[in-house]
Amino acid sequence: MVHLRDQTEFPLELFIELEQKDYLVGRLIVHQMNRGFWIEVDIVLKESKKIWAHCGALHGILDLDEATYQGVQKMSEYISSKNL
C-alpha cells in the first residue's frame, strides 16, 4: 500500500488496474473534510475515464491510508458481487 500521509492536494484521484478487464480501471477520488476523508469508488473506462459503474462512497474515515484501503475493499466487493 502506498502511504499518502504527505499528500496535500485534494481531491486526490487514484487509479487501480483491474486484472480481468483491459478496458476498465478502478478509480478512487479522495476528498478531505474538516475531520477526516470521504471517498468515491468507481470503475471507469480506461481511455475516456467515463464512469462504467459506481461502486459507492465511504464517509467519515479519519486516516488517508485507511480511506484508500477501504475504497479498494469496496471496489473488490463490488467486482465480486457482479462477477466481473
N, C-alpha and C. Protein backbone atom coordinates (compact mmCIF):
# COMPACT_ATOMS: atom_id res chain seq x y z
N MET A 1 0.85 -1.18 0.00
CA MET A 1 0.00 0.00 0.00
C MET A 1 0.89 1.24 0.00
N VAL A 2 0.54 2.19 -0.83
CA VAL A 2 1.27 3.44 -0.89
C VAL A 2 0.84 4.30 0.29
N HIS A 3 1.80 4.87 1.01
CA HIS A 3 1.46 5.76 2.12
C HIS A 3 1.26 7.17 1.58
N LEU A 4 0.12 7.74 1.86
CA LEU A 4 -0.27 9.02 1.27
C LEU A 4 -0.31 10.14 2.30
N ARG A 5 0.31 9.94 3.44
CA ARG A 5 0.20 10.93 4.52
C ARG A 5 0.70 12.32 4.13
N ASP A 6 1.65 12.40 3.20
CA ASP A 6 2.19 13.69 2.81
C ASP A 6 1.39 14.37 1.71
N GLN A 7 0.35 13.71 1.23
CA GLN A 7 -0.49 14.28 0.16
C GLN A 7 -1.20 15.51 0.70
N THR A 8 -1.11 16.63 -0.02
CA THR A 8 -1.74 17.85 0.47
C THR A 8 -2.79 18.40 -0.48
N GLU A 9 -2.86 17.93 -1.70
CA GLU A 9 -3.83 18.46 -2.66
C GLU A 9 -5.01 17.52 -2.81
N PHE A 10 -6.19 18.06 -2.60
CA PHE A 10 -7.41 17.29 -2.71
C PHE A 10 -8.37 18.00 -3.62
N PRO A 11 -9.23 17.28 -4.34
CA PRO A 11 -9.42 15.84 -4.27
C PRO A 11 -8.23 15.09 -4.89
N LEU A 12 -7.97 13.94 -4.34
CA LEU A 12 -6.89 13.07 -4.79
C LEU A 12 -7.51 11.96 -5.63
N GLU A 13 -7.03 11.80 -6.86
CA GLU A 13 -7.56 10.80 -7.77
C GLU A 13 -6.53 9.68 -7.92
N LEU A 14 -6.94 8.45 -7.60
CA LEU A 14 -6.06 7.28 -7.69
C LEU A 14 -6.67 6.27 -8.66
N PHE A 15 -5.83 5.65 -9.48
CA PHE A 15 -6.30 4.64 -10.43
C PHE A 15 -5.70 3.29 -10.08
N ILE A 16 -6.52 2.26 -10.22
CA ILE A 16 -6.13 0.90 -9.87
C ILE A 16 -6.39 0.00 -11.07
N GLU A 17 -5.35 -0.70 -11.52
CA GLU A 17 -5.50 -1.63 -12.63
C GLU A 17 -6.41 -2.79 -12.22
N LEU A 18 -7.29 -3.19 -13.14
CA LEU A 18 -8.16 -4.34 -12.92
C LEU A 18 -7.65 -5.49 -13.77
N GLU A 19 -7.49 -6.66 -13.19
CA GLU A 19 -6.88 -7.79 -13.87
C GLU A 19 -7.75 -8.36 -14.98
N GLN A 20 -9.04 -8.41 -14.80
CA GLN A 20 -9.89 -9.16 -15.72
C GLN A 20 -10.41 -8.36 -16.91
N LYS A 21 -10.37 -7.06 -16.84
CA LYS A 21 -10.92 -6.22 -17.91
C LYS A 21 -9.88 -5.21 -18.36
N ASP A 22 -9.34 -5.39 -19.55
CA ASP A 22 -8.29 -4.50 -20.05
C ASP A 22 -8.78 -3.08 -20.32
N TYR A 23 -10.06 -2.92 -20.60
CA TYR A 23 -10.59 -1.61 -20.98
C TYR A 23 -11.13 -0.82 -19.78
N LEU A 24 -11.07 -1.42 -18.59
CA LEU A 24 -11.58 -0.76 -17.38
C LEU A 24 -10.46 -0.53 -16.37
N VAL A 25 -10.64 0.46 -15.52
CA VAL A 25 -9.71 0.75 -14.44
C VAL A 25 -10.52 1.23 -13.24
N GLY A 26 -10.05 0.89 -12.05
CA GLY A 26 -10.71 1.37 -10.84
C GLY A 26 -10.24 2.78 -10.53
N ARG A 27 -11.16 3.60 -10.04
CA ARG A 27 -10.80 4.98 -9.68
C ARG A 27 -11.32 5.30 -8.29
N LEU A 28 -10.44 5.82 -7.46
CA LEU A 28 -10.80 6.32 -6.14
C LEU A 28 -10.59 7.82 -6.15
N ILE A 29 -11.58 8.56 -5.72
CA ILE A 29 -11.42 10.01 -5.56
C ILE A 29 -11.58 10.30 -4.08
N VAL A 30 -10.51 10.78 -3.47
CA VAL A 30 -10.49 11.04 -2.03
C VAL A 30 -10.67 12.54 -1.80
N HIS A 31 -11.63 12.87 -0.96
CA HIS A 31 -11.92 14.26 -0.60
C HIS A 31 -11.60 14.45 0.87
N GLN A 32 -11.04 15.60 1.20
CA GLN A 32 -10.74 15.90 2.59
C GLN A 32 -11.88 16.71 3.20
N MET A 33 -12.28 16.32 4.41
CA MET A 33 -13.32 17.04 5.15
C MET A 33 -12.66 17.70 6.36
N ASN A 34 -13.43 18.41 7.15
CA ASN A 34 -12.89 19.03 8.36
C ASN A 34 -12.23 18.00 9.26
N ARG A 35 -12.91 16.87 9.45
CA ARG A 35 -12.37 15.78 10.28
C ARG A 35 -12.35 14.51 9.46
N GLY A 36 -11.30 14.30 8.73
CA GLY A 36 -11.16 13.05 8.00
C GLY A 36 -11.37 13.19 6.51
N PHE A 37 -11.82 12.07 5.93
CA PHE A 37 -11.90 11.96 4.48
C PHE A 37 -13.18 11.24 4.07
N TRP A 38 -13.59 11.49 2.83
CA TRP A 38 -14.62 10.66 2.21
C TRP A 38 -14.11 10.29 0.84
N ILE A 39 -14.58 9.16 0.33
CA ILE A 39 -14.02 8.61 -0.89
C ILE A 39 -15.12 8.12 -1.82
N GLU A 40 -14.99 8.43 -3.11
CA GLU A 40 -15.88 7.93 -4.14
C GLU A 40 -15.18 6.76 -4.82
N VAL A 41 -15.91 5.68 -5.06
CA VAL A 41 -15.34 4.48 -5.65
C VAL A 41 -16.08 4.18 -6.95
N ASP A 42 -15.34 4.20 -8.06
CA ASP A 42 -15.93 3.97 -9.38
C ASP A 42 -15.07 3.02 -10.19
N ILE A 43 -15.69 2.43 -11.19
CA ILE A 43 -14.96 1.74 -12.24
C ILE A 43 -15.19 2.56 -13.50
N VAL A 44 -14.11 2.93 -14.17
CA VAL A 44 -14.21 3.83 -15.32
C VAL A 44 -13.58 3.18 -16.55
N LEU A 45 -13.96 3.70 -17.72
CA LEU A 45 -13.32 3.27 -18.96
C LEU A 45 -11.89 3.80 -18.98
N LYS A 46 -10.96 2.94 -19.33
CA LYS A 46 -9.55 3.29 -19.25
C LYS A 46 -9.19 4.50 -20.11
N GLU A 47 -9.69 4.56 -21.33
CA GLU A 47 -9.29 5.65 -22.23
C GLU A 47 -10.00 6.97 -21.95
N SER A 48 -11.30 6.94 -21.79
CA SER A 48 -12.07 8.18 -21.66
C SER A 48 -12.29 8.61 -20.20
N LYS A 49 -12.09 7.68 -19.26
CA LYS A 49 -12.34 7.91 -17.83
C LYS A 49 -13.81 8.16 -17.51
N LYS A 50 -14.72 7.79 -18.43
CA LYS A 50 -16.15 7.89 -18.16
C LYS A 50 -16.55 6.77 -17.20
N ILE A 51 -17.48 7.07 -16.33
CA ILE A 51 -17.90 6.09 -15.32
C ILE A 51 -18.63 4.94 -15.99
N TRP A 52 -18.15 3.73 -15.73
CA TRP A 52 -18.77 2.49 -16.20
C TRP A 52 -19.68 1.94 -15.11
N ALA A 53 -19.25 2.08 -13.85
CA ALA A 53 -20.05 1.64 -12.70
C ALA A 53 -19.65 2.45 -11.47
N HIS A 54 -20.64 2.83 -10.70
CA HIS A 54 -20.39 3.50 -9.42
C HIS A 54 -20.49 2.45 -8.33
N CYS A 55 -19.41 2.20 -7.63
CA CYS A 55 -19.35 1.16 -6.59
C CYS A 55 -19.86 1.66 -5.25
N GLY A 56 -19.81 2.96 -5.03
CA GLY A 56 -20.29 3.51 -3.77
C GLY A 56 -19.40 4.62 -3.25
N ALA A 57 -19.70 5.06 -2.04
CA ALA A 57 -18.93 6.11 -1.39
C ALA A 57 -18.81 5.76 0.09
N LEU A 58 -17.73 6.21 0.68
CA LEU A 58 -17.47 5.98 2.10
C LEU A 58 -17.20 7.33 2.75
N HIS A 59 -17.75 7.53 3.95
CA HIS A 59 -17.65 8.83 4.61
C HIS A 59 -17.07 8.69 6.01
N GLY A 60 -16.46 9.76 6.49
CA GLY A 60 -16.04 9.85 7.89
C GLY A 60 -14.86 8.97 8.27
N ILE A 61 -13.95 8.76 7.35
CA ILE A 61 -12.76 7.97 7.65
C ILE A 61 -11.66 8.93 8.10
N LEU A 62 -11.05 8.65 9.23
CA LEU A 62 -10.11 9.60 9.84
C LEU A 62 -8.71 9.58 9.24
N ASP A 63 -8.30 8.48 8.65
CA ASP A 63 -6.93 8.32 8.15
C ASP A 63 -6.94 8.16 6.64
N LEU A 64 -6.04 8.84 5.95
CA LEU A 64 -5.98 8.80 4.49
C LEU A 64 -5.65 7.40 3.98
N ASP A 65 -4.67 6.75 4.58
CA ASP A 65 -4.32 5.39 4.15
C ASP A 65 -5.50 4.43 4.37
N GLU A 66 -6.19 4.58 5.47
CA GLU A 66 -7.36 3.74 5.75
C GLU A 66 -8.47 4.01 4.74
N ALA A 67 -8.64 5.27 4.34
CA ALA A 67 -9.66 5.62 3.36
C ALA A 67 -9.38 4.93 2.03
N THR A 68 -8.14 4.95 1.59
CA THR A 68 -7.81 4.29 0.32
C THR A 68 -7.96 2.78 0.44
N TYR A 69 -7.56 2.21 1.58
CA TYR A 69 -7.70 0.77 1.79
C TYR A 69 -9.17 0.37 1.73
N GLN A 70 -10.02 1.11 2.43
CA GLN A 70 -11.45 0.80 2.43
C GLN A 70 -12.06 0.99 1.05
N GLY A 71 -11.57 1.97 0.30
CA GLY A 71 -12.05 2.17 -1.07
C GLY A 71 -11.72 0.99 -1.97
N VAL A 72 -10.51 0.47 -1.84
CA VAL A 72 -10.12 -0.71 -2.62
C VAL A 72 -10.98 -1.91 -2.21
N GLN A 73 -11.24 -2.06 -0.92
CA GLN A 73 -12.08 -3.16 -0.45
C GLN A 73 -13.49 -3.04 -1.03
N LYS A 74 -14.04 -1.82 -1.03
CA LYS A 74 -15.39 -1.59 -1.57
C LYS A 74 -15.44 -1.97 -3.05
N MET A 75 -14.41 -1.58 -3.79
CA MET A 75 -14.34 -1.91 -5.21
C MET A 75 -14.26 -3.42 -5.41
N SER A 76 -13.44 -4.07 -4.62
CA SER A 76 -13.28 -5.52 -4.70
C SER A 76 -14.61 -6.24 -4.43
N GLU A 77 -15.33 -5.79 -3.41
CA GLU A 77 -16.63 -6.38 -3.10
C GLU A 77 -17.61 -6.18 -4.24
N TYR A 78 -17.59 -4.99 -4.85
CA TYR A 78 -18.49 -4.72 -5.98
C TYR A 78 -18.16 -5.65 -7.15
N ILE A 79 -16.89 -5.78 -7.47
CA ILE A 79 -16.47 -6.63 -8.58
C ILE A 79 -16.88 -8.07 -8.32
N SER A 80 -16.69 -8.55 -7.10
CA SER A 80 -17.07 -9.92 -6.75
C SER A 80 -18.59 -10.14 -6.86
N SER A 81 -19.35 -9.15 -6.40
CA SER A 81 -20.82 -9.29 -6.42
C SER A 81 -21.39 -9.27 -7.83
N LYS A 82 -20.68 -8.63 -8.76
CA LYS A 82 -21.15 -8.54 -10.15
C LYS A 82 -20.49 -9.57 -11.05
N ASN A 83 -19.61 -10.40 -10.48
CA ASN A 83 -18.89 -11.42 -11.26
C ASN A 83 -18.14 -10.83 -12.46
N LEU A 84 -17.46 -9.73 -12.25
CA LEU A 84 -16.69 -9.10 -13.33
C LEU A 84 -15.37 -9.79 -13.53
